Amino acid sequence: MHEGKHVFTQLMKFLPRKLFRQCVQKHDGDAYCKAFSCHDQFLAMAFAQLTLREGLRGIQETL
């Protein structure tokens, strides 16, 4: 059975979350978001890139 953190979690630790939040606030990225924040969207797109998904269907199947 799996013990420890997943590889994706370990990679996302390198992202300075404070800097990401500052960029989102600067550009008003979450202005019209209701449920899916910029950070959530970034995580989904980063995961899709790492797993070599080419479309929304592939992303949905993987997540």
PDB file of N, CA and C in Angstrom:
ATOM      1  N   MET A   1       0.836  -1.181   0.000  1.00  0.00           N
ATOM      2  CA  MET A   1       0.000   0.000   0.000  1.00  0.00           C
ATOM      3  C   MET A   1       0.881   1.245   0.000  1.00  0.00           C
ATOM      4  N   HIS A   2       0.353   2.308  -0.552  1.00  0.00           N
ATOM      5  CA  HIS A   2       1.096   3.560  -0.690  1.00  0.00           C
ATOM      6  C   HIS A   2       1.313   4.236   0.660  1.00  0.00           C
ATOM      7  N   GLU A   3       2.527   4.657   0.892  1.00  0.00           N
ATOM      8  CA  GLU A   3       2.854   5.423   2.097  1.00  0.00           C
ATOM      9  C   GLU A   3       3.593   6.683   1.681  1.00  0.00           C
ATOM     10  N   GLY A   4       3.294   7.796   2.315  1.00  0.00           N
ATOM     11  CA  GLY A   4       3.958   9.047   1.975  1.00  0.00           C
ATOM     12  C   GLY A   4       3.138   9.887   1.027  1.00  0.00           C
ATOM     13  N   LYS A   5       3.785  10.877   0.426  1.00  0.00           N
ATOM     14  CA  LYS A   5       3.097  11.819  -0.452  1.00  0.00           C
ATOM     15  C   LYS A   5       3.221  11.402  -1.907  1.00  0.00           C
ATOM     16  N   HIS A   6       2.214  11.757  -2.688  1.00  0.00           N
ATOM     17  CA  HIS A   6       2.222  11.483  -4.115  1.00  0.00           C
ATOM     18  C   HIS A   6       3.241  12.383  -4.814  1.00  0.00           C
ATOM     19  N   VAL A   7       3.658  11.984  -5.997  1.00  0.00           N
ATOM     20  CA  VAL A   7       4.645  12.737  -6.762  1.00  0.00           C
ATOM     21  C   VAL A   7       4.104  14.123  -7.118  1.00  0.00           C
ATOM     22  N   PHE A   8       2.839  14.205  -7.508  1.00  0.00           N
ATOM     23  CA  PHE A   8       2.242  15.492  -7.870  1.00  0.00           C
ATOM     24  C   PHE A   8       2.270  16.460  -6.685  1.00  0.00           C
ATOM     25  N   THR A   9       1.986  15.977  -5.512  1.00  0.00           N
ATOM     26  CA  THR A   9       2.039  16.810  -4.305  1.00  0.00           C
ATOM     27  C   THR A   9       3.449  17.307  -4.055  1.00  0.00           C
ATOM     28  N   GLN A  10       4.409  16.464  -4.248  1.00  0.00           N
ATOM     29  CA  GLN A  10       5.801  16.860  -4.043  1.00  0.00           C
ATOM     30  C   GLN A  10       6.219  17.924  -5.057  1.00  0.00           C
ATOM     31  N   LEU A  11       5.773  17.801  -6.306  1.00  0.00           N
ATOM     32  CA  LEU A  11       6.103  18.797  -7.324  1.00  0.00           C
ATOM     33  C   LEU A  11       5.445  20.146  -7.045  1.00  0.00           C
ATOM     34  N   MET A  12       4.222  20.123  -6.559  1.00  0.00           N
ATOM     35  CA  MET A  12       3.504  21.366  -6.309  1.00  0.00           C
ATOM     36  C   MET A  12       4.049  22.117  -5.095  1.00  0.00           C
ATOM     37  N   LYS A  13       4.852  21.452  -4.273  1.00  0.00           N
ATOM     38  CA  LYS A  13       5.499  22.136  -3.144  1.00  0.00           C
ATOM     39  C   LYS A  13       6.481  23.199  -3.628  1.00  0.00           C
ATOM     40  N   PHE A  14       6.979  23.062  -4.864  1.00  0.00           N
ATOM     41  CA  PHE A  14       7.924  24.030  -5.408  1.00  0.00           C
ATOM     42  C   PHE A  14       7.242  25.323  -5.845  1.00  0.00           C
ATOM     43  N   LEU A  15       5.928  25.293  -5.989  1.00  0.00           N
ATOM     44  CA  LEU A  15       5.184  26.486  -6.374  1.00  0.00           C
ATOM     45  C   LEU A  15       4.998  27.385  -5.154  1.00  0.00           C
ATOM     46  N   PRO A  16       5.544  28.601  -5.193  1.00  0.00           N
ATOM     47  CA  PRO A  16       5.333  29.508  -4.065  1.00  0.00           C
ATOM     48  C   PRO A  16       3.883  30.006  -4.068  1.00  0.00           C
ATOM     49  N   ARG A  17       3.071  29.443  -3.188  1.00  0.00           N
ATOM     50  CA  ARG A  17       1.639  29.726  -3.183  1.00  0.00           C
ATOM     51  C   ARG A  17       1.346  31.198  -2.900  1.00  0.00           C
ATOM     52  N   LYS A  18       2.171  31.820  -2.063  1.00  0.00           N
ATOM     53  CA  LYS A  18       1.968  33.233  -1.753  1.00  0.00           C
ATOM     54  C   LYS A  18       2.145  34.085  -3.016  1.00  0.00           C
ATOM     55  N   LEU A  19       3.168  33.786  -3.801  1.00  0.00           N
ATOM     56  CA  LEU A  19       3.407  34.513  -5.047  1.00  0.00           C
ATOM     57  C   LEU A  19       2.269  34.273  -6.037  1.00  0.00           C
ATOM     58  N   PHE A  20       1.776  33.049  -6.097  1.00  0.00           N
ATOM     59  CA  PHE A  20       0.653  32.731  -6.988  1.00  0.00           C
ATOM     60  C   PHE A  20      -0.572  33.544  -6.585  1.00  0.00           C
ATOM     61  N   ARG A  21      -0.877  33.600  -5.286  1.00  0.00           N
ATOM     62  CA  ARG A  21      -2.008  34.386  -4.795  1.00  0.00           C
ATOM     63  C   ARG A  21      -1.856  35.872  -5.131  1.00  0.00           C
ATOM     64  N   GLN A  22      -0.632  36.380  -5.005  1.00  0.00           N
ATOM     65  CA  GLN A  22      -0.382  37.786  -5.316  1.00  0.00           C
ATOM     66  C   GLN A  22      -0.651  38.074  -6.795  1.00  0.00           C
ATOM     67  N   CYS A  23      -0.223  37.177  -7.661  1.00  0.00           N
ATOM     68  CA  CYS A  23      -0.467  37.347  -9.101  1.00  0.00           C
ATOM     69  C   CYS A  23      -1.959  37.302  -9.417  1.00  0.00           C
ATOM     70  N   VAL A  24      -2.678  36.401  -8.779  1.00  0.00           N
ATOM     71  CA  VAL A  24      -4.123  36.293  -9.004  1.00  0.00           C
ATOM     72  C   VAL A  24      -4.817  37.570  -8.533  1.00  0.00           C
ATOM     73  N   GLN A  25      -4.424  38.093  -7.379  1.00  0.00           N
ATOM     74  CA  GLN A  25      -5.024  39.333  -6.877  1.00  0.00           C
ATOM     75  C   GLN A  25      -4.668  40.520  -7.760  1.00  0.00           C
ATOM     76  N   LYS A  26      -3.439  40.583  -8.222  1.00  0.00           N
ATOM     77  CA  LYS A  26      -2.987  41.687  -9.071  1.00  0.00           C
ATOM     78  C   LYS A  26      -3.801  41.767 -10.359  1.00  0.00           C
ATOM     79  N   HIS A  27      -4.082  40.617 -10.952  1.00  0.00           N
ATOM     80  CA  HIS A  27      -4.798  40.574 -12.225  1.00  0.00           C
ATOM     81  C   HIS A  27      -6.287  40.284 -12.049  1.00  0.00           C
ATOM     82  N   ASP A  28      -6.752  40.258 -10.799  1.00  0.00           N
ATOM     83  CA  ASP A  28      -8.163  40.038 -10.470  1.00  0.00           C
ATOM     84  C   ASP A  28      -8.683  38.743 -11.102  1.00  0.00           C
ATOM     85  N   GLY A  29      -7.901  37.686 -10.936  1.00  0.00           N
ATOM     86  CA  GLY A  29      -8.199  36.410 -11.574  1.00  0.00           C
ATOM     87  C   GLY A  29      -9.419  35.690 -11.045  1.00  0.00           C
ATOM     88  N   ASP A  30      -9.720  35.846  -9.779  1.00  0.00           N
ATOM     89  CA  ASP A  30     -10.863  35.152  -9.181  1.00  0.00           C
ATOM     90  C   ASP A  30     -12.110  36.029  -9.109  1.00  0.00           C
ATOM     91  N   ALA A  31     -12.161  37.080  -9.916  1.00  0.00           N
ATOM     92  CA  ALA A  31     -13.263  38.045  -9.827  1.00  0.00           C
ATOM     93  C   ALA A  31     -14.621  37.408 -10.115  1.00  0.00           C
ATOM     94  N   TYR A  32     -14.716  36.580 -11.129  1.00  0.00           N
ATOM     95  CA  TYR A  32     -16.003  36.015 -11.521  1.00  0.00           C
ATOM     96  C   TYR A  32     -16.102  34.519 -11.234  1.00  0.00           C
ATOM     97  N   CYS A  33     -15.204  34.011 -10.422  1.00  0.00           N
ATOM     98  CA  CYS A  33     -15.215  32.587 -10.084  1.00  0.00           C
ATOM     99  C   CYS A  33     -16.209  32.324  -8.968  1.00  0.00           C
ATOM    100  N   LYS A  34     -16.956  31.271  -9.101  1.00  0.00           N
ATOM    101  CA  LYS A  34     -17.899  30.900  -8.053  1.00  0.00           C
ATOM    102  C   LYS A  34     -17.415  29.686  -7.278  1.00  0.00           C
ATOM    103  N   ALA A  35     -16.963  28.660  -7.979  1.00  0.00           N
ATOM    104  CA  ALA A  35     -16.588  27.431  -7.290  1.00  0.00           C
ATOM    105  C   ALA A  35     -15.185  26.946  -7.644  1.00  0.00           C
ATOM    106  N   PHE A  36     -14.706  27.255  -8.829  1.00  0.00           N
ATOM    107  CA  PHE A  36     -13.438  26.716  -9.322  1.00  0.00           C
ATOM    108  C   PHE A  36     -12.423  27.846  -9.382  1.00  0.00           C
ATOM    109  N   SER A  37     -11.595  27.970  -8.364  1.00  0.00           N
ATOM    110  CA  SER A  37     -10.661  29.086  -8.262  1.00  0.00           C
ATOM    111  C   SER A  37      -9.513  28.949  -9.253  1.00  0.00           C
ATOM    112  N   CYS A  38      -8.729  30.010  -9.379  1.00  0.00           N
ATOM    113  CA  CYS A  38      -7.560  29.994 -10.265  1.00  0.00           C
ATOM    114  C   CYS A  38      -6.561  28.934  -9.823  1.00  0.00           C
ATOM    115  N   HIS A  39      -6.402  28.776  -8.522  1.00  0.00           N
ATOM    116  CA  HIS A  39      -5.463  27.774  -8.019  1.00  0.00           C
ATOM    117  C   HIS A  39      -5.940  26.367  -8.367  1.00  0.00           C
ATOM    118  N   ASP A  40      -7.234  26.113  -8.227  1.00  0.00           N
ATOM    119  CA  ASP A  40      -7.785  24.807  -8.599  1.00  0.00           C
ATOM    120  C   ASP A  40      -7.591  24.541 -10.092  1.00  0.00           C
ATOM    121  N   GLN A  41      -7.836  25.563 -10.904  1.00  0.00           N
ATOM    122  CA  GLN A  41      -7.668  25.406 -12.346  1.00  0.00           C
ATOM    123  C   GLN A  41      -6.202  25.160 -12.693  1.00  0.00           C
ATOM    124  N   PHE A  42      -5.306  25.872 -12.040  1.00  0.00           N
ATOM    125  CA  PHE A  42      -3.878  25.655 -12.283  1.00  0.00           C
ATOM    126  C   PHE A  42      -3.481  24.224 -11.936  1.00  0.00           C
ATOM    127  N   LEU A  43      -3.947  23.722 -10.798  1.00  0.00           N
ATOM    128  CA  LEU A  43      -3.614  22.356 -10.402  1.00  0.00           C
ATOM    129  C   LEU A  43      -4.131  21.340 -11.412  1.00  0.00           C
ATOM    130  N   ALA A  44      -5.362  21.543 -11.891  1.00  0.00           N
ATOM    131  CA  ALA A  44      -5.930  20.627 -12.890  1.00  0.00           C
ATOM    132  C   ALA A  44      -5.123  20.654 -14.186  1.00  0.00           C
ATOM    133  N   MET A  45      -4.742  21.851 -14.627  1.00  0.00           N
ATOM    134  CA  MET A  45      -3.988  21.964 -15.882  1.00  0.00           C
ATOM    135  C   MET A  45      -2.560  21.437 -15.725  1.00  0.00           C
ATOM    136  N   ALA A  46      -1.946  21.647 -14.581  1.00  0.00           N
ATOM    137  CA  ALA A  46      -0.603  21.112 -14.339  1.00  0.00           C
ATOM    138  C   ALA A  46      -0.642  19.584 -14.326  1.00  0.00           C
ATOM    139  N   PHE A  47      -1.663  19.029 -13.686  1.00  0.00           N
ATOM    140  CA  PHE A  47      -1.807  17.575 -13.651  1.00  0.00           C
ATOM    141  C   PHE A  47      -2.019  17.022 -15.057  1.00  0.00           C
ATOM    142  N   ALA A  48      -2.812  17.732 -15.862  1.00  0.00           N
ATOM    143  CA  ALA A  48      -3.056  17.298 -17.239  1.00  0.00           C
ATOM    144  C   ALA A  48      -1.763  17.319 -18.046  1.00  0.00           C
ATOM    145  N   GLN A  49      -0.944  18.341 -17.864  1.00  0.00           N
ATOM    146  CA  GLN A  49       0.333  18.419 -18.569  1.00  0.00           C
ATOM    147  C   GLN A  49       1.257  17.274 -18.164  1.00  0.00           C
ATOM    148  N   LEU A  50       1.310  16.989 -16.874  1.00  0.00           N
ATOM    149  CA  LEU A  50       2.204  15.936 -16.385  1.00  0.00           C
ATOM    150  C   LEU A  50       1.783  14.547 -16.835  1.00  0.00           C
ATOM    151  N   THR A  51       0.483  14.352 -17.041  1.00  0.00           N
ATOM    152  CA  THR A  51      -0.004  13.038 -17.455  1.00  0.00           C
ATOM    153  C   THR A  51      -0.231  12.962 -18.961  1.00  0.00           C
ATOM    154  N   LEU A  52       0.213  14.001 -19.688  1.00  0.00           N
ATOM    155  CA  LEU A  52       0.159  14.049 -21.154  1.00  0.00           C
ATOM    156  C   LEU A  52      -1.257  13.916 -21.718  1.00  0.00           C
ATOM    157  N   ARG A  53      -2.215  14.578 -21.083  1.00  0.00           N
ATOM    158  CA  ARG A  53      -3.592  14.573 -21.593  1.00  0.00           C
ATOM    159  C   ARG A  53      -3.723  15.625 -22.669  1.00  0.00           C
ATOM    160  N   GLU A  54      -4.529  15.336 -23.688  1.00  0.00           N
ATOM    161  CA  GLU A  54      -4.643  16.237 -24.828  1.00  0.00           C
ATOM    162  C   GLU A  54      -5.987  16.942 -24.905  1.00  0.00           C
ATOM    163  N   GLY A  55      -6.957  16.525 -24.124  1.00  0.00           N
ATOM    164  CA  GLY A  55      -8.266  17.153 -24.206  1.00  0.00           C
ATOM    165  C   GLY A  55      -8.995  17.087 -22.878  1.00  0.00           C
ATOM    166  N   LEU A  56     -10.159  17.734 -22.863  1.00  0.00           N
ATOM    167  CA  LEU A  56     -10.947  17.768 -21.631  1.00  0.00           C
ATOM    168  C   LEU A  56     -11.419  16.386 -21.201  1.00  0.00           C
ATOM    169  N   ARG A  57     -11.742  15.546 -22.174  1.00  0.00           N
ATOM    170  CA  ARG A  57     -12.199  14.202 -21.842  1.00  0.00           C
ATOM    171  C   ARG A  57     -11.103  13.412 -21.129  1.00  0.00           C
ATOM    172  N   GLY A  58      -9.879  13.524 -21.603  1.00  0.00           N
ATOM    173  CA  GLY A  58      -8.762  12.835 -20.975  1.00  0.00           C
ATOM    174  C   GLY A  58      -8.485  13.359 -19.567  1.00  0.00           C
ATOM    175  N   ILE A  59      -8.591  14.681 -19.397  1.00  0.00           N
ATOM    176  CA  ILE A  59      -8.408  15.270 -18.077  1.00  0.00           C
ATOM    177  C   ILE A  59      -9.472  14.772 -17.121  1.00  0.00           C
ATOM    178  N   GLN A  60     -10.715  14.762 -17.581  1.00  0.00           N
ATOM    179  CA  GLN A  60     -11.834  14.311 -16.754  1.00  0.00           C
ATOM    180  C   GLN A  60     -11.659  12.846 -16.356  1.00  0.00           C
ATOM    181  N   GLU A  61     -11.243  12.017 -17.280  1.00  0.00           N
ATOM    182  CA  GLU A  61     -11.053  10.600 -16.977  1.00  0.00           C
ATOM    183  C   GLU A  61      -9.948  10.392 -15.953  1.00  0.00           C
ATOM    184  N   THR A  62      -8.891  11.202 -16.063  1.00  0.00           N
ATOM    185  CA  THR A  62      -7.751  11.048 -15.161  1.00  0.00           C
ATOM    186  C   THR A  62      -8.066  11.554 -13.756  1.00  0.00           C
ATOM    187  N   LEU A  63      -8.745  12.704 -13.689  1.00  0.00           N
ATOM    188  CA  LEU A  63      -9.068  13.251 -12.374  1.00  0.00           C
ATOM    189  C   LEU A  63     -10.144  12.459 -11.707  1.00  0.00           C
TER     190      LEU A  63
END
